[in-house]
Amino acid sequence: MLKGVLEGCVLEIISRGETYGYEIASSLRELGFADVVEGTVYTILLRLEKNALVMIDKRASTLGPPRKFYSLNDSGRAELANFWAKWEFVSLKLDELKGAQR
């Protein structure tokens, strides 16, 4: 998969409302990313946290350790906008390339 695409998808999911890792992984699977494992999602979330793109709210869970809920901060929203701008450019160029083959 293209570098950064999955991270952009995670940012988009988080932008739709406060969410946590397992829920993000489930959303990706529902979208057809069947080969994405939870470990990959948590690695992306750690990177987003390290790069200060998300806000985290730890909440108690009845099923184990506290659960981290993620939401985007201003930097995360800017990064998401940048992702979509790049994706639109790539998509346009792929359409041009495909059209040139005909």
PDB file of N, CA and C in Angstrom:
ATOM      1  N   MET A   1       0.845  -1.177   0.000  1.00  0.00           N
ATOM      2  CA  MET A   1       0.000   0.000   0.000  1.00  0.00           C
ATOM      3  C   MET A   1       0.893   1.244   0.000  1.00  0.00           C
ATOM      4  N   LEU A   2       0.412   2.307  -0.619  1.00  0.00           N
ATOM      5  CA  LEU A   2       1.181   3.537  -0.685  1.00  0.00           C
ATOM      6  C   LEU A   2       1.523   4.050   0.705  1.00  0.00           C
ATOM      7  N   LYS A   3       2.769   4.489   0.832  1.00  0.00           N
ATOM      8  CA  LYS A   3       3.219   5.010   2.124  1.00  0.00           C
ATOM      9  C   LYS A   3       2.337   6.182   2.559  1.00  0.00           C
ATOM     10  N   GLY A   4       1.877   6.132   3.771  1.00  0.00           N
ATOM     11  CA  GLY A   4       1.096   7.221   4.324  1.00  0.00           C
ATOM     12  C   GLY A   4      -0.403   7.128   4.108  1.00  0.00           C
ATOM     13  N   VAL A   5      -0.846   6.228   3.230  1.00  0.00           N
ATOM     14  CA  VAL A   5      -2.283   6.135   2.952  1.00  0.00           C
ATOM     15  C   VAL A   5      -3.040   5.665   4.185  1.00  0.00           C
ATOM     16  N   LEU A   6      -2.526   4.640   4.829  1.00  0.00           N
ATOM     17  CA  LEU A   6      -3.215   4.115   6.005  1.00  0.00           C
ATOM     18  C   LEU A   6      -3.240   5.153   7.130  1.00  0.00           C
ATOM     19  N   GLU A   7      -2.145   5.876   7.292  1.00  0.00           N
ATOM     20  CA  GLU A   7      -2.107   6.937   8.305  1.00  0.00           C
ATOM     21  C   GLU A   7      -3.151   8.011   8.001  1.00  0.00           C
ATOM     22  N   GLY A   8      -3.285   8.369   6.733  1.00  0.00           N
ATOM     23  CA  GLY A   8      -4.307   9.336   6.340  1.00  0.00           C
ATOM     24  C   GLY A   8      -5.710   8.828   6.619  1.00  0.00           C
ATOM     25  N   CYS A   9      -5.921   7.535   6.386  1.00  0.00           N
ATOM     26  CA  CYS A   9      -7.234   6.940   6.677  1.00  0.00           C
ATOM     27  C   CYS A   9      -7.531   6.985   8.174  1.00  0.00           C
ATOM     28  N   VAL A  10      -6.520   6.720   8.986  1.00  0.00           N
ATOM     29  CA  VAL A  10      -6.698   6.780  10.443  1.00  0.00           C
ATOM     30  C   VAL A  10      -7.014   8.213  10.867  1.00  0.00           C
ATOM     31  N   LEU A  11      -6.310   9.180  10.314  1.00  0.00           N
ATOM     32  CA  LEU A  11      -6.605  10.584  10.621  1.00  0.00           C
ATOM     33  C   LEU A  11      -8.048  10.928  10.255  1.00  0.00           C
ATOM     34  N   GLU A  12      -8.496  10.457   9.103  1.00  0.00           N
ATOM     35  CA  GLU A  12      -9.872  10.742   8.668  1.00  0.00           C
ATOM     36  C   GLU A  12     -10.887  10.131   9.629  1.00  0.00           C
ATOM     37  N   ILE A  13     -10.650   8.901  10.049  1.00  0.00           N
ATOM     38  CA  ILE A  13     -11.567   8.245  10.994  1.00  0.00           C
ATOM     39  C   ILE A  13     -11.620   9.024  12.305  1.00  0.00           C
ATOM     40  N   ILE A  14     -10.454   9.435  12.794  1.00  0.00           N
ATOM     41  CA  ILE A  14     -10.408  10.200  14.047  1.00  0.00           C
ATOM     42  C   ILE A  14     -11.126  11.543  13.879  1.00  0.00           C
ATOM     43  N   SER A  15     -11.019  12.132  12.697  1.00  0.00           N
ATOM     44  CA  SER A  15     -11.638  13.450  12.471  1.00  0.00           C
ATOM     45  C   SER A  15     -13.159  13.406  12.571  1.00  0.00           C
ATOM     46  N   ARG A  16     -13.733  12.240  12.433  1.00  0.00           N
ATOM     47  CA  ARG A  16     -15.194  12.101  12.454  1.00  0.00           C
ATOM     48  C   ARG A  16     -15.761  12.050  13.864  1.00  0.00           C
ATOM     49  N   GLY A  17     -14.873  11.973  14.855  1.00  0.00           N
ATOM     50  CA  GLY A  17     -15.316  11.964  16.244  1.00  0.00           C
ATOM     51  C   GLY A  17     -14.374  11.162  17.107  1.00  0.00           C
ATOM     52  N   GLU A  18     -14.375  11.471  18.369  1.00  0.00           N
ATOM     53  CA  GLU A  18     -13.509  10.807  19.335  1.00  0.00           C
ATOM     54  C   GLU A  18     -13.653   9.290  19.221  1.00  0.00           C
ATOM     55  N   THR A  19     -12.516   8.590  19.196  1.00  0.00           N
ATOM     56  CA  THR A  19     -12.530   7.150  18.982  1.00  0.00           C
ATOM     57  C   THR A  19     -11.295   6.519  19.609  1.00  0.00           C
ATOM     58  N   TYR A  20     -11.269   5.202  19.664  1.00  0.00           N
ATOM     59  CA  TYR A  20     -10.139   4.479  20.256  1.00  0.00           C
ATOM     60  C   TYR A  20      -9.630   3.426  19.273  1.00  0.00           C
ATOM     61  N   GLY A  21      -8.473   2.853  19.587  1.00  0.00           N
ATOM     62  CA  GLY A  21      -7.758   1.977  18.668  1.00  0.00           C
ATOM     63  C   GLY A  21      -8.561   0.840  18.070  1.00  0.00           C
ATOM     64  N   TYR A  22      -9.230   0.060  18.904  1.00  0.00           N
ATOM     65  CA  TYR A  22      -9.985  -1.082  18.397  1.00  0.00           C
ATOM     66  C   TYR A  22     -11.091  -0.623  17.452  1.00  0.00           C
ATOM     67  N   GLU A  23     -11.737   0.472  17.793  1.00  0.00           N
ATOM     68  CA  GLU A  23     -12.810   1.012  16.953  1.00  0.00           C
ATOM     69  C   GLU A  23     -12.258   1.479  15.599  1.00  0.00           C
ATOM     70  N   ILE A  24     -11.073   2.061  15.608  1.00  0.00           N
ATOM     71  CA  ILE A  24     -10.427   2.491  14.365  1.00  0.00           C
ATOM     72  C   ILE A  24     -10.114   1.281  13.498  1.00  0.00           C
ATOM     73  N   ALA A  25      -9.539   0.233  14.100  1.00  0.00           N
ATOM     74  CA  ALA A  25      -9.224  -0.990  13.357  1.00  0.00           C
ATOM     75  C   ALA A  25     -10.492  -1.597  12.764  1.00  0.00           C
ATOM     76  N   SER A  26     -11.563  -1.610  13.518  1.00  0.00           N
ATOM     77  CA  SER A  26     -12.842  -2.138  13.030  1.00  0.00           C
ATOM     78  C   SER A  26     -13.362  -1.312  11.859  1.00  0.00           C
ATOM     79  N   SER A  27     -13.251  -0.001  11.954  1.00  0.00           N
ATOM     80  CA  SER A  27     -13.695   0.878  10.866  1.00  0.00           C
ATOM     81  C   SER A  27     -12.904   0.609   9.591  1.00  0.00           C
ATOM     82  N   LEU A  28     -11.602   0.416   9.733  1.00  0.00           N
ATOM     83  CA  LEU A  28     -10.766   0.120   8.568  1.00  0.00           C
ATOM     84  C   LEU A  28     -11.175  -1.198   7.921  1.00  0.00           C
ATOM     85  N   ARG A  29     -11.447  -2.210   8.745  1.00  0.00           N
ATOM     86  CA  ARG A  29     -11.886  -3.503   8.203  1.00  0.00           C
ATOM     87  C   ARG A  29     -13.220  -3.352   7.473  1.00  0.00           C
ATOM     88  N   GLU A  30     -14.134  -2.581   8.043  1.00  0.00           N
ATOM     89  CA  GLU A  30     -15.435  -2.347   7.395  1.00  0.00           C
ATOM     90  C   GLU A  30     -15.272  -1.640   6.051  1.00  0.00           C
ATOM     91  N   LEU A  31     -14.230  -0.830   5.927  1.00  0.00           N
ATOM     92  CA  LEU A  31     -13.958  -0.128   4.672  1.00  0.00           C
ATOM     93  C   LEU A  31     -13.262  -1.014   3.641  1.00  0.00           C
ATOM     94  N   GLY A  32     -12.901  -2.236   4.043  1.00  0.00           N
ATOM     95  CA  GLY A  32     -12.268  -3.160   3.112  1.00  0.00           C
ATOM     96  C   GLY A  32     -10.781  -3.366   3.317  1.00  0.00           C
ATOM     97  N   PHE A  33     -10.208  -2.742   4.329  1.00  0.00           N
ATOM     98  CA  PHE A  33      -8.794  -2.944   4.644  1.00  0.00           C
ATOM     99  C   PHE A  33      -8.665  -4.202   5.506  1.00  0.00           C
ATOM    100  N   ALA A  34      -9.003  -5.341   4.921  1.00  0.00           N
ATOM    101  CA  ALA A  34      -9.094  -6.600   5.665  1.00  0.00           C
ATOM    102  C   ALA A  34      -7.754  -7.067   6.214  1.00  0.00           C
ATOM    103  N   ASP A  35      -6.662  -6.698   5.563  1.00  0.00           N
ATOM    104  CA  ASP A  35      -5.347  -7.177   5.985  1.00  0.00           C
ATOM    105  C   ASP A  35      -4.692  -6.306   7.058  1.00  0.00           C
ATOM    106  N   VAL A  36      -5.367  -5.264   7.500  1.00  0.00           N
ATOM    107  CA  VAL A  36      -4.806  -4.379   8.527  1.00  0.00           C
ATOM    108  C   VAL A  36      -5.055  -4.987   9.906  1.00  0.00           C
ATOM    109  N   VAL A  37      -3.974  -5.223  10.632  1.00  0.00           N
ATOM    110  CA  VAL A  37      -4.091  -5.794  11.974  1.00  0.00           C
ATOM    111  C   VAL A  37      -4.056  -4.670  13.009  1.00  0.00           C
ATOM    112  N   GLU A  38      -4.587  -4.964  14.180  1.00  0.00           N
ATOM    113  CA  GLU A  38      -4.648  -3.944  15.231  1.00  0.00           C
ATOM    114  C   GLU A  38      -3.275  -3.392  15.575  1.00  0.00           C
ATOM    115  N   GLY A  39      -2.256  -4.240  15.559  1.00  0.00           N
ATOM    116  CA  GLY A  39      -0.903  -3.787  15.880  1.00  0.00           C
ATOM    117  C   GLY A  39      -0.443  -2.664  14.969  1.00  0.00           C
ATOM    118  N   THR A  40      -0.814  -2.747  13.699  1.00  0.00           N
ATOM    119  CA  THR A  40      -0.471  -1.696  12.744  1.00  0.00           C
ATOM    120  C   THR A  40      -1.170  -0.394  13.114  1.00  0.00           C
ATOM    121  N   VAL A  41      -2.423  -0.489  13.486  1.00  0.00           N
ATOM    122  CA  VAL A  41      -3.188   0.701  13.878  1.00  0.00           C
ATOM    123  C   VAL A  41      -2.563   1.346  15.107  1.00  0.00           C
ATOM    124  N   TYR A  42      -2.184   0.533  16.094  1.00  0.00           N
ATOM    125  CA  TYR A  42      -1.597   1.094  17.313  1.00  0.00           C
ATOM    126  C   TYR A  42      -0.237   1.729  17.037  1.00  0.00           C
ATOM    127  N   THR A  43       0.521   1.178  16.090  1.00  0.00           N
ATOM    128  CA  THR A  43       1.793   1.788  15.700  1.00  0.00           C
ATOM    129  C   THR A  43       1.546   3.163  15.079  1.00  0.00           C
ATOM    130  N   ILE A  44       0.534   3.256  14.236  1.00  0.00           N
ATOM    131  CA  ILE A  44       0.177   4.544  13.628  1.00  0.00           C
ATOM    132  C   ILE A  44      -0.270   5.529  14.702  1.00  0.00           C
ATOM    133  N   LEU A  45      -1.087   5.074  15.638  1.00  0.00           N
ATOM    134  CA  LEU A  45      -1.558   5.956  16.711  1.00  0.00           C
ATOM    135  C   LEU A  45      -0.391   6.477  17.550  1.00  0.00           C
ATOM    136  N   LEU A  46       0.581   5.626  17.822  1.00  0.00           N
ATOM    137  CA  LEU A  46       1.770   6.071  18.570  1.00  0.00           C
ATOM    138  C   LEU A  46       2.525   7.145  17.793  1.00  0.00           C
ATOM    139  N   ARG A  47       2.637   6.953  16.474  1.00  0.00           N
ATOM    140  CA  ARG A  47       3.325   7.942  15.643  1.00  0.00           C
ATOM    141  C   ARG A  47       2.549   9.265  15.626  1.00  0.00           C
ATOM    142  N   LEU A  48       1.231   9.190  15.527  1.00  0.00           N
ATOM    143  CA  LEU A  48       0.417  10.410  15.556  1.00  0.00           C
ATOM    144  C   LEU A  48       0.577  11.135  16.885  1.00  0.00           C
ATOM    145  N   GLU A  49       0.636  10.354  17.962  1.00  0.00           N
ATOM    146  CA  GLU A  49       0.838  10.933  19.298  1.00  0.00           C
ATOM    147  C   GLU A  49       2.212  11.591  19.392  1.00  0.00           C
ATOM    148  N   LYS A  50       3.238  10.881  18.917  1.00  0.00           N
ATOM    149  CA  LYS A  50       4.611  11.398  18.961  1.00  0.00           C
ATOM    150  C   LYS A  50       4.743  12.688  18.153  1.00  0.00           C
ATOM    151  N   ASN A  51       4.023  12.753  17.029  1.00  0.00           N
ATOM    152  CA  ASN A  51       4.083  13.934  16.165  1.00  0.00           C
ATOM    153  C   ASN A  51       3.097  15.026  16.576  1.00  0.00           C
ATOM    154  N   ALA A  52       2.469  14.841  17.730  1.00  0.00           N
ATOM    155  CA  ALA A  52       1.546  15.829  18.317  1.00  0.00           C
ATOM    156  C   ALA A  52       0.406  16.209  17.368  1.00  0.00           C
ATOM    157  N   LEU A  53      -0.185  15.182  16.724  1.00  0.00           N
ATOM    158  CA  LEU A  53      -1.294  15.406  15.801  1.00  0.00           C
ATOM    159  C   LEU A  53      -2.645  15.067  16.414  1.00  0.00           C
ATOM    160  N   VAL A  54      -2.618  14.461  17.603  1.00  0.00           N
ATOM    161  CA  VAL A  54      -3.861  14.037  18.253  1.00  0.00           C
ATOM    162  C   VAL A  54      -3.879  14.471  19.712  1.00  0.00           C
ATOM    163  N   MET A  55      -5.092  14.577  20.232  1.00  0.00           N
ATOM    164  CA  MET A  55      -5.290  14.758  21.669  1.00  0.00           C
ATOM    165  C   MET A  55      -5.749  13.408  22.205  1.00  0.00           C
ATOM    166  N   ILE A  56      -5.341  13.098  23.413  1.00  0.00           N
ATOM    167  CA  ILE A  56      -5.672  11.804  24.006  1.00  0.00           C
ATOM    168  C   ILE A  56      -6.367  12.020  25.336  1.00  0.00           C
ATOM    169  N   ASP A  57      -7.431  11.274  25.519  1.00  0.00           N
ATOM    170  CA  ASP A  57      -8.174  11.293  26.773  1.00  0.00           C
ATOM    171  C   ASP A  57      -8.231   9.857  27.283  1.00  0.00           C
ATOM    172  N   LYS A  58      -7.529   9.588  28.390  1.00  0.00           N
ATOM    173  CA  LYS A  58      -7.550   8.241  28.972  1.00  0.00           C
ATOM    174  C   LYS A  58      -8.762   8.104  29.880  1.00  0.00           C
ATOM    175  N   ARG A  59      -9.498   7.019  29.658  1.00  0.00           N
ATOM    176  CA  ARG A  59     -10.700   6.769  30.454  1.00  0.00           C
ATOM    177  C   ARG A  59     -10.672   5.351  30.999  1.00  0.00           C
ATOM    178  N   ALA A  60     -11.208   5.209  32.188  1.00  0.00           N
ATOM    179  CA  ALA A  60     -11.287   3.883  32.805  1.00  0.00           C
ATOM    180  C   ALA A  60     -12.133   2.964  31.938  1.00  0.00           C
ATOM    181  N   SER A  61     -11.744   1.694  31.943  1.00  0.00           N
ATOM    182  CA  SER A  61     -12.487   0.680  31.196  1.00  0.00           C
ATOM    183  C   SER A  61     -12.834  -0.457  32.140  1.00  0.00           C
ATOM    184  N   THR A  62     -14.022  -0.986  31.998  1.00  0.00           N
ATOM    185  CA  THR A  62     -14.423  -2.125  32.839  1.00  0.00           C
ATOM    186  C   THR A  62     -13.789  -3.419  32.347  1.00  0.00           C
ATOM    187  N   LEU A  63     -13.177  -3.381  31.167  1.00  0.00           N
ATOM    188  CA  LEU A  63     -12.615  -4.591  30.562  1.00  0.00           C
ATOM    189  C   LEU A  63     -11.093  -4.626  30.575  1.00  0.00           C
ATOM    190  N   GLY A  64     -10.448  -3.852  31.427  1.00  0.00           N
ATOM    191  CA  GLY A  64      -8.992  -3.876  31.475  1.00  0.00           C
ATOM    192  C   GLY A  64      -8.416  -2.511  31.773  1.00  0.00           C
ATOM    193  N   PRO A  65      -7.231  -2.248  31.203  1.00  0.00           N
ATOM    194  CA  PRO A  65      -6.563  -0.973  31.479  1.00  0.00           C
ATOM    195  C   PRO A  65      -7.346   0.195  30.888  1.00  0.00           C
ATOM    196  N   PRO A  66      -7.002   1.414  31.302  1.00  0.00           N
ATOM    197  CA  PRO A  66      -7.689   2.586  30.752  1.00  0.00           C
ATOM    198  C   PRO A  66      -7.599   2.601  29.221  1.00  0.00           C
ATOM    199  N   ARG A  67      -8.625   3.097  28.603  1.00  0.00           N
ATOM    200  CA  ARG A  67      -8.697   3.159  27.141  1.00  0.00           C
ATOM    201  C   ARG A  67      -8.338   4.576  26.709  1.00  0.00           C
ATOM    202  N   LYS A  68      -7.521   4.678  25.645  1.00  0.00           N
ATOM    203  CA  LYS A  68      -7.147   5.979  25.094  1.00  0.00           C
ATOM    204  C   LYS A  68      -8.137   6.358  24.000  1.00  0.00           C
ATOM    205  N   PHE A  69      -8.772   7.509  24.171  1.00  0.00           N
ATOM    206  CA  PHE A  69      -9.656   8.052  23.145  1.00  0.00           C
ATOM    207  C   PHE A  69      -8.898   9.151  22.407  1.00  0.00           C
ATOM    208  N   TYR A  70      -8.940   9.109  21.089  1.00  0.00           N
ATOM    209  CA  TYR A  70      -8.188  10.031  20.245  1.00  0.00           C
ATOM    210  C   TYR A  70      -9.113  11.021  19.560  1.00  0.00           C
ATOM    211  N   SER A  71      -8.649  12.257  19.463  1.00  0.00           N
ATOM    212  CA  SER A  71      -9.311  13.277  18.654  1.00  0.00           C
ATOM    213  C   SER A  71      -8.209  14.119  18.013  1.00  0.00           C
ATOM    214  N   LEU A  72      -8.542  14.773  16.912  1.00  0.00           N
ATOM    215  CA  LEU A  72      -7.540  15.579  16.217  1.00  0.00           C
ATOM    216  C   LEU A  72      -7.408  16.954  16.854  1.00  0.00           C
ATOM    217  N   ASN A  73      -6.178  17.435  16.909  1.00  0.00           N
ATOM    218  CA  ASN A  73      -5.937  18.822  17.294  1.00  0.00           C
ATOM    219  C   ASN A  73      -5.746  19.632  16.005  1.00  0.00           C
ATOM    220  N   ASP A  74      -5.403  20.892  16.120  1.00  0.00           N
ATOM    221  CA  ASP A  74      -5.243  21.734  14.928  1.00  0.00           C
ATOM    222  C   ASP A  74      -4.169  21.193  13.989  1.00  0.00           C
ATOM    223  N   SER A  75      -3.062  20.709  14.549  1.00  0.00           N
ATOM    224  CA  SER A  75      -1.992  20.149  13.717  1.00  0.00           C
ATOM    225  C   SER A  75      -2.467  18.895  12.989  1.00  0.00           C
ATOM    226  N   GLY A  76      -3.260  18.091  13.667  1.00  0.00           N
ATOM    227  CA  GLY A  76      -3.810  16.884  13.047  1.00  0.00           C
ATOM    228  C   GLY A  76      -4.768  17.215  11.919  1.00  0.00           C
ATOM    229  N   ARG A  77      -5.592  18.235  12.115  1.00  0.00           N
ATOM    230  CA  ARG A  77      -6.517  18.657  11.054  1.00  0.00           C
ATOM    231  C   ARG A  77      -5.739  19.192   9.845  1.00  0.00           C
ATOM    232  N   ALA A  78      -4.658  19.923  10.103  1.00  0.00           N
ATOM    233  CA  ALA A  78      -3.823  20.434   9.009  1.00  0.00           C
ATOM    234  C   ALA A  78      -3.159  19.276   8.266  1.00  0.00           C
ATOM    235  N   GLU A  79      -2.685  18.289   9.006  1.00  0.00           N
ATOM    236  CA  GLU A  79      -2.062  17.113   8.384  1.00  0.00           C
ATOM    237  C   GLU A  79      -3.076  16.345   7.544  1.00  0.00           C
ATOM    238  N   LEU A  80      -4.300  16.232   8.036  1.00  0.00           N
ATOM    239  CA  LEU A  80      -5.356  15.552   7.281  1.00  0.00           C
ATOM    240  C   LEU A  80      -5.666  16.313   5.991  1.00  0.00           C
ATOM    241  N   ALA A  81      -5.757  17.630   6.068  1.00  0.00           N
ATOM    242  CA  ALA A  81      -6.002  18.435   4.862  1.00  0.00           C
ATOM    243  C   ALA A  81      -4.871  18.247   3.858  1.00  0.00           C
ATOM    244  N   ASN A  82      -3.637  18.177   4.344  1.00  0.00           N
ATOM    245  CA  ASN A  82      -2.474  17.945   3.493  1.00  0.00           C
ATOM    246  C   ASN A  82      -2.554  16.564   2.841  1.00  0.00           C
ATOM    247  N   PHE A  83      -2.961  15.560   3.610  1.00  0.00           N
ATOM    248  CA  PHE A  83      -3.122  14.201   3.073  1.00  0.00           C
ATOM    249  C   PHE A  83      -4.115  14.203   1.922  1.00  0.00           C
ATOM    250  N   TRP A  84      -5.292  14.838   2.128  1.00  0.00           N
ATOM    251  CA  TRP A  84      -6.317  14.835   1.081  1.00  0.00           C
ATOM    252  C   TRP A  84      -5.856  15.611  -0.151  1.00  0.00           C
ATOM    253  N   ALA A  85      -5.112  16.689   0.031  1.00  0.00           N
ATOM    254  CA  ALA A  85      -4.588  17.445  -1.112  1.00  0.00           C
ATOM    255  C   ALA A  85      -3.627  16.581  -1.923  1.00  0.00           C
ATOM    256  N   LYS A  86      -2.740  15.871  -1.242  1.00  0.00           N
ATOM    257  CA  LYS A  86      -1.806  14.972  -1.933  1.00  0.00           C
ATOM    258  C   LYS A  86      -2.564  13.853  -2.631  1.00  0.00           C
ATOM    259  N   TRP A  87      -3.572  13.301  -1.942  1.00  0.00           N
ATOM    260  CA  TRP A  87      -4.331  12.189  -2.512  1.00  0.00           C
ATOM    261  C   TRP A  87      -5.082  12.632  -3.769  1.00  0.00           C
ATOM    262  N   GLU A  88      -5.660  13.823  -3.743  1.00  0.00           N
ATOM    263  CA  GLU A  88      -6.366  14.329  -4.921  1.00  0.00           C
ATOM    264  C   GLU A  88      -5.408  14.511  -6.094  1.00  0.00           C
ATOM    265  N   PHE A  89      -4.189  14.980  -5.814  1.00  0.00           N
ATOM    266  CA  PHE A  89      -3.184  15.139  -6.865  1.00  0.00           C
ATOM    267  C   PHE A  89      -2.824  13.783  -7.458  1.00  0.00           C
ATOM    268  N   VAL A  90      -2.535  12.805  -6.606  1.00  0.00           N
ATOM    269  CA  VAL A  90      -2.173  11.464  -7.077  1.00  0.00           C
ATOM    270  C   VAL A  90      -3.323  10.854  -7.869  1.00  0.00           C
ATOM    271  N   SER A  91      -4.532  10.993  -7.362  1.00  0.00           N
ATOM    272  CA  SER A  91      -5.709  10.452  -8.041  1.00  0.00           C
ATOM    273  C   SER A  91      -5.876  11.069  -9.429  1.00  0.00           C
ATOM    274  N   LEU A  92      -5.705  12.376  -9.525  1.00  0.00           N
ATOM    275  CA  LEU A  92      -5.809  13.070 -10.801  1.00  0.00           C
ATOM    276  C   LEU A  92      -4.762  12.554 -11.784  1.00  0.00           C
ATOM    277  N   LYS A  93      -3.524  12.420 -11.317  1.00  0.00           N
ATOM    278  CA  LYS A  93      -2.444  11.961 -12.191  1.00  0.00           C
ATOM    279  C   LYS A  93      -2.649  10.508 -12.614  1.00  0.00           C
ATOM    280  N   LEU A  94      -3.183   9.680 -11.729  1.00  0.00           N
ATOM    281  CA  LEU A  94      -3.476   8.293 -12.100  1.00  0.00           C
ATOM    282  C   LEU A  94      -4.573   8.241 -13.154  1.00  0.00           C
ATOM    283  N   ASP A  95      -5.590   9.079 -13.012  1.00  0.00           N
ATOM    284  CA  ASP A  95      -6.651   9.150 -14.023  1.00  0.00           C
ATOM    285  C   ASP A  95      -6.084   9.594 -15.369  1.00  0.00           C
ATOM    286  N   GLU A  96      -5.179  10.573 -15.341  1.00  0.00           N
ATOM    287  CA  GLU A  96      -4.537  11.030 -16.576  1.00  0.00           C
ATOM    288  C   GLU A  96      -3.724   9.910 -17.202  1.00  0.00           C
ATOM    289  N   LEU A  97      -2.980   9.203 -16.380  1.00  0.00           N
ATOM    290  CA  LEU A  97      -2.161   8.097 -16.868  1.00  0.00           C
ATOM    291  C   LEU A  97      -3.029   7.001 -17.465  1.00  0.00           C
ATOM    292  N   LYS A  98      -4.092   6.667 -16.787  1.00  0.00           N
ATOM    293  CA  LYS A  98      -5.001   5.631 -17.272  1.00  0.00           C
ATOM    294  C   LYS A  98      -5.648   6.068 -18.586  1.00  0.00           C
ATOM    295  N   GLY A  99      -6.043   7.336 -18.682  1.00  0.00           N
ATOM    296  CA  GLY A  99      -6.643   7.854 -19.905  1.00  0.00           C
ATOM    297  C   GLY A  99      -5.673   7.862 -21.070  1.00  0.00           C
ATOM    298  N   ALA A 100      -4.398   8.049 -20.789  1.00  0.00           N
ATOM    299  CA  ALA A 100      -3.376   8.069 -21.835  1.00  0.00           C
ATOM    300  C   ALA A 100      -3.145   6.687 -22.429  1.00  0.00           C
ATOM    301  N   GLN A 101      -3.528   5.643 -21.714  1.00  0.00           N
ATOM    302  CA  GLN A 101      -3.332   4.272 -22.199  1.00  0.00           C
ATOM    303  C   GLN A 101      -4.361   3.904 -23.255  1.00  0.00           C
ATOM    304  N   ARG A 102      -5.438   4.624 -23.342  1.00  0.00           N
ATOM    305  CA  ARG A 102      -6.533   4.250 -24.254  1.00  0.00           C
ATOM    306  C   ARG A 102      -6.342   4.794 -25.620  1.00  0.00           C
TER     307      ARG A 102
END
